[in-house]
Amino acid sequence: MRIFLIAAGLVIVVLALLGLGLSAAEFGIVMLGGALVVAIIMFFITRRRYQRMSDTEKDDRTPPGLP
């Protein structure tokens, strides 16, 4: 459910930016800034999740293999 809320929020933000009449360069800069913010938030979310895991859960994790 959370992913749908994030996707809907992004669509609304993009439509709002298009409605402001920004140039292509300004729109790109705003989108890069937004991507940076999302990357930082996702970094902290995954870091917190990893820190909450017990040592046995960390040891039992197997990395995905190549097909």
C-alpha atoms as a PDB file:
ATOM      1  CA  MET A   1       0.000   0.000   0.000  1.00  0.00           C
ATOM      2  CA  ARG A   2       2.844   2.364   0.833  1.00  0.00           C
ATOM      3  CA  ILE A   3       4.334   2.000  -2.651  1.00  0.00           C
ATOM      4  CA  PHE A   4       1.060   3.113  -4.233  1.00  0.00           C
ATOM      5  CA  LEU A   5       0.948   6.200  -2.035  1.00  0.00           C
ATOM      6  CA  ILE A   6       4.518   7.068  -3.001  1.00  0.00           C
ATOM      7  CA  ALA A   7       3.754   6.563  -6.698  1.00  0.00           C
ATOM      8  CA  ALA A   8       0.610   8.692  -6.466  1.00  0.00           C
ATOM      9  CA  GLY A   9       2.551  11.424  -4.685  1.00  0.00           C
ATOM     10  CA  LEU A  10       5.204  11.418  -7.398  1.00  0.00           C
ATOM     11  CA  VAL A  11       2.593  11.686 -10.136  1.00  0.00           C
ATOM     12  CA  ILE A  12       0.957  14.620  -8.368  1.00  0.00           C
ATOM     13  CA  VAL A  13       4.317  16.372  -7.929  1.00  0.00           C
ATOM     14  CA  VAL A  14       5.239  15.890 -11.596  1.00  0.00           C
ATOM     15  CA  LEU A  15       1.861  17.236 -12.722  1.00  0.00           C
ATOM     16  CA  ALA A  16       2.241  20.219 -10.390  1.00  0.00           C
ATOM     17  CA  LEU A  17       5.699  20.929 -11.780  1.00  0.00           C
ATOM     18  CA  LEU A  18       4.381  20.734 -15.325  1.00  0.00           C
ATOM     19  CA  GLY A  19       1.636  23.181 -14.368  1.00  0.00           C
ATOM     20  CA  LEU A  20       4.189  25.715 -13.120  1.00  0.00           C
ATOM     21  CA  GLY A  21       5.548  26.160 -16.622  1.00  0.00           C
ATOM     22  CA  LEU A  22       9.173  25.456 -15.800  1.00  0.00           C
ATOM     23  CA  SER A  23      11.738  25.210 -18.558  1.00  0.00           C
ATOM     24  CA  ALA A  24      13.213  21.813 -19.355  1.00  0.00           C
ATOM     25  CA  ALA A  25      16.435  22.630 -17.483  1.00  0.00           C
ATOM     26  CA  GLU A  26      14.580  23.814 -14.382  1.00  0.00           C
ATOM     27  CA  PHE A  27      12.319  20.760 -14.477  1.00  0.00           C
ATOM     28  CA  GLY A  28      15.359  18.488 -14.748  1.00  0.00           C
ATOM     29  CA  ILE A  29      17.102  20.157 -11.819  1.00  0.00           C
ATOM     30  CA  VAL A  30      13.992  19.816  -9.664  1.00  0.00           C
ATOM     31  CA  MET A  31      13.638  16.141 -10.627  1.00  0.00           C
ATOM     32  CA  LEU A  32      17.304  15.458  -9.845  1.00  0.00           C
ATOM     33  CA  GLY A  33      16.847  17.094  -6.459  1.00  0.00           C
ATOM     34  CA  GLY A  34      13.792  14.941  -5.826  1.00  0.00           C
ATOM     35  CA  ALA A  35      15.677  11.802  -6.841  1.00  0.00           C
ATOM     36  CA  LEU A  36      18.456  12.717  -4.428  1.00  0.00           C
ATOM     37  CA  VAL A  37      15.975  13.165  -1.588  1.00  0.00           C
ATOM     38  CA  VAL A  38      14.332   9.797  -2.347  1.00  0.00           C
ATOM     39  CA  ALA A  39      17.740   8.067  -2.472  1.00  0.00           C
ATOM     40  CA  ILE A  40      18.727   9.496   0.914  1.00  0.00           C
ATOM     41  CA  ILE A  41      15.407   8.479   2.484  1.00  0.00           C
ATOM     42  CA  MET A  42      15.673   4.937   1.097  1.00  0.00           C
ATOM     43  CA  PHE A  43      19.259   4.693   2.407  1.00  0.00           C
ATOM     44  CA  PHE A  44      18.134   5.527   5.935  1.00  0.00           C
ATOM     45  CA  ILE A  45      15.123   3.179   5.746  1.00  0.00           C
ATOM     46  CA  THR A  46      17.237   0.202   4.678  1.00  0.00           C
ATOM     47  CA  ARG A  47      19.969   1.058   7.189  1.00  0.00           C
ATOM     48  CA  ARG A  48      17.480   1.119  10.053  1.00  0.00           C
ATOM     49  CA  ARG A  49      15.947  -2.162   8.894  1.00  0.00           C
ATOM     50  CA  TYR A  50      19.374  -3.820   8.747  1.00  0.00           C
ATOM     51  CA  GLN A  51      20.277  -2.558  12.229  1.00  0.00           C
ATOM     52  CA  ARG A  52      17.055  -4.008  13.683  1.00  0.00           C
ATOM     53  CA  MET A  53      17.885  -7.480  12.384  1.00  0.00           C
ATOM     54  CA  SER A  54      19.371  -9.919  14.855  1.00  0.00           C
ATOM     55  CA  ASP A  55      22.833 -11.373  14.268  1.00  0.00           C
ATOM     56  CA  THR A  56      21.397 -14.763  13.336  1.00  0.00           C
ATOM     57  CA  GLU A  57      19.137 -13.168  10.728  1.00  0.00           C
ATOM     58  CA  LYS A  58      22.131 -11.323   9.275  1.00  0.00           C
ATOM     59  CA  ASP A  59      24.141 -14.555   9.140  1.00  0.00           C
ATOM     60  CA  ASP A  60      21.290 -16.523   7.534  1.00  0.00           C
ATOM     61  CA  ARG A  61      20.880 -14.093   4.651  1.00  0.00           C
ATOM     62  CA  THR A  62      22.096 -15.419   1.323  1.00  0.00           C
ATOM     63  CA  PRO A  63      22.888 -13.024  -1.500  1.00  0.00           C
ATOM     64  CA  PRO A  64      20.904 -13.433  -4.699  1.00  0.00           C
ATOM     65  CA  GLY A  65      22.644 -15.431  -7.399  1.00  0.00           C
ATOM     66  CA  LEU A  66      22.968 -14.683 -11.052  1.00  0.00           C
ATOM     67  CA  PRO A  67      20.636 -16.675 -13.325  1.00  0.00           C
END
